Amino acid sequence: MTSARVAAVALVGMLLAGTTPGCSTSPAQQEAIRQAWAERDAERERECRRVNGFIVAGSCLPRP
């Protein structure tokens, strides 16, 4: 095998090894992650409203 081929095989192996743990997230873990993001978004929206702003594309902008 040439060194370029060995490097390509190693790269593909590393990519596969790095992506498979993300696929093994259990449904309970996925729901916990969704809930945490929802709580975070709600907190950001409350804070934005507190300063009389509004959310646009995930950013708090001041009201005109």
PDB file of N, CA and C in Angstrom:
ATOM      1  N   MET A   1       0.832  -1.180   0.000  1.00  0.00           N
ATOM      2  CA  MET A   1       0.000   0.000   0.000  1.00  0.00           C
ATOM      3  C   MET A   1       0.878   1.245   0.000  1.00  0.00           C
ATOM      4  N   THR A   2       0.491   2.230  -0.764  1.00  0.00           N
ATOM      5  CA  THR A   2       1.263   3.471  -0.792  1.00  0.00           C
ATOM      6  C   THR A   2       0.943   4.301   0.449  1.00  0.00           C
ATOM      7  N   SER A   3       1.830   5.216   0.738  1.00  0.00           N
ATOM      8  CA  SER A   3       1.616   6.041   1.928  1.00  0.00           C
ATOM      9  C   SER A   3       0.370   6.909   1.790  1.00  0.00           C
ATOM     10  N   ALA A   4       0.034   7.340   0.577  1.00  0.00           N
ATOM     11  CA  ALA A   4      -1.185   8.131   0.373  1.00  0.00           C
ATOM     12  C   ALA A   4      -2.419   7.286   0.657  1.00  0.00           C
ATOM     13  N   ARG A   5      -2.380   6.039   0.240  1.00  0.00           N
ATOM     14  CA  ARG A   5      -3.526   5.150   0.472  1.00  0.00           C
ATOM     15  C   ARG A   5      -3.676   4.861   1.965  1.00  0.00           C
ATOM     16  N   VAL A   6      -2.570   4.642   2.652  1.00  0.00           N
ATOM     17  CA  VAL A   6      -2.599   4.401   4.098  1.00  0.00           C
ATOM     18  C   VAL A   6      -3.167   5.631   4.806  1.00  0.00           C
ATOM     19  N   ALA A   7      -2.743   6.808   4.380  1.00  0.00           N
ATOM     20  CA  ALA A   7      -3.246   8.040   4.985  1.00  0.00           C
ATOM     21  C   ALA A   7      -4.746   8.194   4.737  1.00  0.00           C
ATOM     22  N   ALA A   8      -5.211   7.854   3.527  1.00  0.00           N
ATOM     23  CA  ALA A   8      -6.633   7.956   3.216  1.00  0.00           C
ATOM     24  C   ALA A   8      -7.448   6.979   4.056  1.00  0.00           C
ATOM     25  N   VAL A   9      -6.964   5.752   4.208  1.00  0.00           N
ATOM     26  CA  VAL A   9      -7.663   4.757   5.021  1.00  0.00           C
ATOM     27  C   VAL A   9      -7.697   5.212   6.481  1.00  0.00           C
ATOM     28  N   ALA A  10      -6.593   5.741   6.979  1.00  0.00           N
ATOM     29  CA  ALA A  10      -6.544   6.233   8.354  1.00  0.00           C
ATOM     30  C   ALA A  10      -7.517   7.390   8.549  1.00  0.00           C
ATOM     31  N   LEU A  11      -7.588   8.294   7.592  1.00  0.00           N
ATOM     32  CA  LEU A  11      -8.502   9.434   7.689  1.00  0.00           C
ATOM     33  C   LEU A  11      -9.949   8.969   7.724  1.00  0.00           C
ATOM     34  N   VAL A  12     -10.313   8.060   6.853  1.00  0.00           N
ATOM     35  CA  VAL A  12     -11.679   7.523   6.843  1.00  0.00           C
ATOM     36  C   VAL A  12     -11.980   6.828   8.166  1.00  0.00           C
ATOM     37  N   GLY A  13     -11.035   6.084   8.683  1.00  0.00           N
ATOM     38  CA  GLY A  13     -11.220   5.417   9.975  1.00  0.00           C
ATOM     39  C   GLY A  13     -11.454   6.401  11.106  1.00  0.00           C
ATOM     40  N   MET A  14     -10.685   7.479  11.114  1.00  0.00           N
ATOM     41  CA  MET A  14     -10.865   8.497  12.161  1.00  0.00           C
ATOM     42  C   MET A  14     -12.227   9.188  12.031  1.00  0.00           C
ATOM     43  N   LEU A  15     -12.635   9.467  10.804  1.00  0.00           N
ATOM     44  CA  LEU A  15     -13.935  10.097  10.595  1.00  0.00           C
ATOM     45  C   LEU A  15     -15.070   9.199  11.079  1.00  0.00           C
ATOM     46  N   LEU A  16     -14.990   7.919  10.748  1.00  0.00           N
ATOM     47  CA  LEU A  16     -16.022   6.984  11.197  1.00  0.00           C
ATOM     48  C   LEU A  16     -16.031   6.845  12.713  1.00  0.00           C
ATOM     49  N   ALA A  17     -14.871   6.802  13.311  1.00  0.00           N
ATOM     50  CA  ALA A  17     -14.776   6.682  14.765  1.00  0.00           C
ATOM     51  C   ALA A  17     -15.322   7.929  15.454  1.00  0.00           C
ATOM     52  N   GLY A  18     -15.168   9.081  14.825  1.00  0.00           N
ATOM     53  CA  GLY A  18     -15.654  10.322  15.422  1.00  0.00           C
ATOM     54  C   GLY A  18     -17.143  10.534  15.271  1.00  0.00           C
ATOM     55  N   THR A  19     -17.754   9.928  14.272  1.00  0.00           N
ATOM     56  CA  THR A  19     -19.181  10.152  14.056  1.00  0.00           C
ATOM     57  C   THR A  19     -20.059   9.108  14.717  1.00  0.00           C
ATOM     58  N   THR A  20     -19.572   7.927  14.963  1.00  0.00           N
ATOM     59  CA  THR A  20     -20.436   6.884  15.519  1.00  0.00           C
ATOM     60  C   THR A  20     -20.909   7.147  16.947  1.00  0.00           C
ATOM     61  N   PRO A  21     -20.147   7.782  17.843  1.00  0.00           N
ATOM     62  CA  PRO A  21     -20.701   8.040  19.173  1.00  0.00           C
ATOM     63  C   PRO A  21     -21.942   8.939  19.131  1.00  0.00           C
ATOM     64  N   GLY A  22     -22.019   9.850  18.191  1.00  0.00           N
ATOM     65  CA  GLY A  22     -23.195  10.714  18.081  1.00  0.00           C
ATOM     66  C   GLY A  22     -24.435   9.940  17.688  1.00  0.00           C
ATOM     67  N   CYS A  23     -24.254   8.826  17.021  1.00  0.00           N
ATOM     68  CA  CYS A  23     -25.390   8.005  16.605  1.00  0.00           C
ATOM     69  C   CYS A  23     -25.875   7.112  17.735  1.00  0.00           C
ATOM     70  N   SER A  24     -25.089   6.986  18.791  1.00  0.00           N
ATOM     71  CA  SER A  24     -25.461   6.073  19.868  1.00  0.00           C
ATOM     72  C   SER A  24     -26.142   6.781  21.028  1.00  0.00           C
ATOM     73  N   THR A  25     -26.642   7.986  20.814  1.00  0.00           N
ATOM     74  CA  THR A  25     -27.352   8.707  21.864  1.00  0.00           C
ATOM     75  C   THR A  25     -28.721   8.070  22.057  1.00  0.00           C
ATOM     76  N   SER A  26     -29.033   7.719  23.286  1.00  0.00           N
ATOM     77  CA  SER A  26     -30.306   7.049  23.562  1.00  0.00           C
ATOM     78  C   SER A  26     -31.464   8.040  23.423  1.00  0.00           C
ATOM     79  N   PRO A  27     -32.679   7.536  23.223  1.00  0.00           N
ATOM     80  CA  PRO A  27     -33.843   8.427  23.151  1.00  0.00           C
ATOM     81  C   PRO A  27     -34.003   9.284  24.411  1.00  0.00           C
ATOM     82  N   ALA A  28     -33.697   8.720  25.568  1.00  0.00           N
ATOM     83  CA  ALA A  28     -33.801   9.487  26.816  1.00  0.00           C
ATOM     84  C   ALA A  28     -32.786  10.632  26.830  1.00  0.00           C
ATOM     85  N   GLN A  29     -31.560  10.354  26.348  1.00  0.00           N
ATOM     86  CA  GLN A  29     -30.537  11.403  26.282  1.00  0.00           C
ATOM     87  C   GLN A  29     -30.941  12.468  25.268  1.00  0.00           C
ATOM     88  N   GLN A  30     -31.496  12.038  24.131  1.00  0.00           N
ATOM     89  CA  GLN A  30     -31.941  12.997  23.127  1.00  0.00           C
ATOM     90  C   GLN A  30     -33.021  13.907  23.697  1.00  0.00           C
ATOM     91  N   GLU A  31     -33.956  13.346  24.447  1.00  0.00           N
ATOM     92  CA  GLU A  31     -35.031  14.154  25.050  1.00  0.00           C
ATOM     93  C   GLU A  31     -34.459  15.112  26.092  1.00  0.00           C
ATOM     94  N   ALA A  32     -33.495  14.660  26.872  1.00  0.00           N
ATOM     95  CA  ALA A  32     -32.867  15.537  27.867  1.00  0.00           C
ATOM     96  C   ALA A  32     -32.149  16.693  27.183  1.00  0.00           C
ATOM     97  N   ILE A  33     -31.498  16.423  26.069  1.00  0.00           N
ATOM     98  CA  ILE A  33     -30.807  17.472  25.316  1.00  0.00           C
ATOM     99  C   ILE A  33     -31.823  18.470  24.761  1.00  0.00           C
ATOM    100  N   ARG A  34     -32.913  17.944  24.174  1.00  0.00           N
ATOM    101  CA  ARG A  34     -33.961  18.836  23.645  1.00  0.00           C
ATOM    102  C   ARG A  34     -34.535  19.720  24.744  1.00  0.00           C
ATOM    103  N   GLN A  35     -34.778  19.128  25.917  1.00  0.00           N
ATOM    104  CA  GLN A  35     -35.332  19.884  27.042  1.00  0.00           C
ATOM    105  C   GLN A  35     -34.354  20.965  27.507  1.00  0.00           C
ATOM    106  N   ALA A  36     -33.087  20.624  27.581  1.00  0.00           N
ATOM    107  CA  ALA A  36     -32.085  21.611  28.005  1.00  0.00           C
ATOM    108  C   ALA A  36     -32.022  22.779  27.023  1.00  0.00           C
ATOM    109  N   TRP A  37     -32.065  22.501  25.707  1.00  0.00           N
ATOM    110  CA  TRP A  37     -32.062  23.578  24.711  1.00  0.00           C
ATOM    111  C   TRP A  37     -33.327  24.421  24.824  1.00  0.00           C
ATOM    112  N   ALA A  38     -34.472  23.787  25.056  1.00  0.00           N
ATOM    113  CA  ALA A  38     -35.733  24.537  25.192  1.00  0.00           C
ATOM    114  C   ALA A  38     -35.679  25.449  26.409  1.00  0.00           C
ATOM    115  N   GLU A  39     -35.135  24.945  27.520  1.00  0.00           N
ATOM    116  CA  GLU A  39     -35.001  25.775  28.727  1.00  0.00           C
ATOM    117  C   GLU A  39     -34.049  26.938  28.476  1.00  0.00           C
ATOM    118  N   ARG A  40     -32.966  26.675  27.770  1.00  0.00           N
ATOM    119  CA  ARG A  40     -32.005  27.734  27.448  1.00  0.00           C
ATOM    120  C   ARG A  40     -32.654  28.803  26.571  1.00  0.00           C
ATOM    121  N   ASP A  41     -33.385  28.367  25.556  1.00  0.00           N
ATOM    122  CA  ASP A  41     -34.052  29.323  24.668  1.00  0.00           C
ATOM    123  C   ASP A  41     -35.087  30.151  25.418  1.00  0.00           C
ATOM    124  N   ALA A  42     -35.838  29.508  26.318  1.00  0.00           N
ATOM    125  CA  ALA A  42     -36.842  30.232  27.102  1.00  0.00           C
ATOM    126  C   ALA A  42     -36.176  31.264  28.012  1.00  0.00           C
ATOM    127  N   GLU A  43     -35.065  30.902  28.620  1.00  0.00           N
ATOM    128  CA  GLU A  43     -34.335  31.835  29.483  1.00  0.00           C
ATOM    129  C   GLU A  43     -33.813  33.026  28.679  1.00  0.00           C
ATOM    130  N   ARG A  44     -33.267  32.766  27.498  1.00  0.00           N
ATOM    131  CA  ARG A  44     -32.771  33.861  26.642  1.00  0.00           C
ATOM    132  C   ARG A  44     -33.915  34.784  26.234  1.00  0.00           C
ATOM    133  N   GLU A  45     -35.076  34.199  25.926  1.00  0.00           N
ATOM    134  CA  GLU A  45     -36.215  35.020  25.534  1.00  0.00           C
ATOM    135  C   GLU A  45     -36.716  35.862  26.704  1.00  0.00           C
ATOM    136  N   ARG A  46     -36.770  35.288  27.910  1.00  0.00           N
ATOM    137  CA  ARG A  46     -37.181  36.058  29.100  1.00  0.00           C
ATOM    138  C   ARG A  46     -36.214  37.213  29.348  1.00  0.00           C
ATOM    139  N   GLU A  47     -34.916  36.932  29.256  1.00  0.00           N
ATOM    140  CA  GLU A  47     -33.919  37.981  29.472  1.00  0.00           C
ATOM    141  C   GLU A  47     -34.044  39.075  28.414  1.00  0.00           C
ATOM    142  N   CYS A  48     -34.297  38.686  27.179  1.00  0.00           N
ATOM    143  CA  CYS A  48     -34.441  39.666  26.108  1.00  0.00           C
ATOM    144  C   CYS A  48     -35.672  40.550  26.345  1.00  0.00           C
ATOM    145  N   ARG A  49     -36.775  39.928  26.744  1.00  0.00           N
ATOM    146  CA  ARG A  49     -37.993  40.708  27.031  1.00  0.00           C
ATOM    147  C   ARG A  49     -37.777  41.645  28.217  1.00  0.00           C
ATOM    148  N   ARG A  50     -36.976  41.184  29.196  1.00  0.00           N
ATOM    149  CA  ARG A  50     -36.723  42.003  30.387  1.00  0.00           C
ATOM    150  C   ARG A  50     -36.064  43.326  30.004  1.00  0.00           C
ATOM    151  N   VAL A  51     -35.234  43.304  28.980  1.00  0.00           N
ATOM    152  CA  VAL A  51     -34.568  44.530  28.539  1.00  0.00           C
ATOM    153  C   VAL A  51     -35.317  45.183  27.375  1.00  0.00           C
ATOM    154  N   ASN A  52     -36.584  44.764  27.194  1.00  0.00           N
ATOM    155  CA  ASN A  52     -37.476  45.319  26.180  1.00  0.00           C
ATOM    156  C   ASN A  52     -36.953  45.082  24.762  1.00  0.00           C
ATOM    157  N   GLY A  53     -36.425  43.880  24.524  1.00  0.00           N
ATOM    158  CA  GLY A  53     -35.965  43.524  23.191  1.00  0.00           C
ATOM    159  C   GLY A  53     -36.865  42.476  22.580  1.00  0.00           C
ATOM    160  N   PHE A  54     -36.454  41.976  21.435  1.00  0.00           N
ATOM    161  CA  PHE A  54     -37.182  40.881  20.801  1.00  0.00           C
ATOM    162  C   PHE A  54     -36.183  39.983  20.086  1.00  0.00           C
ATOM    163  N   ILE A  55     -36.540  38.722  19.972  1.00  0.00           N
ATOM    164  CA  ILE A  55     -35.650  37.713  19.403  1.00  0.00           C
ATOM    165  C   ILE A  55     -35.840  37.645  17.884  1.00  0.00           C
ATOM    166  N   VAL A  56     -34.729  37.737  17.152  1.00  0.00           N
ATOM    167  CA  VAL A  56     -34.724  37.558  15.706  1.00  0.00           C
ATOM    168  C   VAL A  56     -33.554  36.640  15.373  1.00  0.00           C
ATOM    169  N   ALA A  57     -33.846  35.506  14.774  1.00  0.00           N
ATOM    170  CA  ALA A  57     -32.812  34.543  14.374  1.00  0.00           C
ATOM    171  C   ALA A  57     -31.860  34.212  15.536  1.00  0.00           C
ATOM    172  N   GLY A  58     -32.408  34.078  16.735  1.00  0.00           N
ATOM    173  CA  GLY A  58     -31.611  33.700  17.875  1.00  0.00           C
ATOM    174  C   GLY A  58     -30.870  34.834  18.568  1.00  0.00           C
ATOM    175  N   SER A  59     -31.052  36.067  18.090  1.00  0.00           N
ATOM    176  CA  SER A  59     -30.383  37.217  18.700  1.00  0.00           C
ATOM    177  C   SER A  59     -31.404  38.160  19.300  1.00  0.00           C
ATOM    178  N   CYS A  60     -31.041  38.782  20.395  1.00  0.00           N
ATOM    179  CA  CYS A  60     -31.909  39.753  21.042  1.00  0.00           C
ATOM    180  C   CYS A  60     -31.608  41.132  20.462  1.00  0.00           C
ATOM    181  N   LEU A  61     -32.620  41.742  19.858  1.00  0.00           N
ATOM    182  CA  LEU A  61     -32.449  43.068  19.267  1.00  0.00           C
ATOM    183  C   LEU A  61     -33.280  44.076  20.038  1.00  0.00           C
ATOM    184  N   PRO A  62     -32.797  45.309  20.152  1.00  0.00           N
ATOM    185  CA  PRO A  62     -33.577  46.338  20.857  1.00  0.00           C
ATOM    186  C   PRO A  62     -34.795  46.740  20.032  1.00  0.00           C
ATOM    187  N   ARG A  63     -35.837  47.076  20.737  1.00  0.00           N
ATOM    188  CA  ARG A  63     -37.044  47.561  20.040  1.00  0.00           C
ATOM    189  C   ARG A  63     -36.777  48.961  19.549  1.00  0.00           C
ATOM    190  N   PRO A  64     -37.296  49.284  18.347  1.00  0.00           N
ATOM    191  CA  PRO A  64     -37.081  50.650  17.795  1.00  0.00           C
ATOM    192  C   PRO A  64     -37.852  51.694  18.582  1.00  0.00           C
TER     193      PRO A  64
END
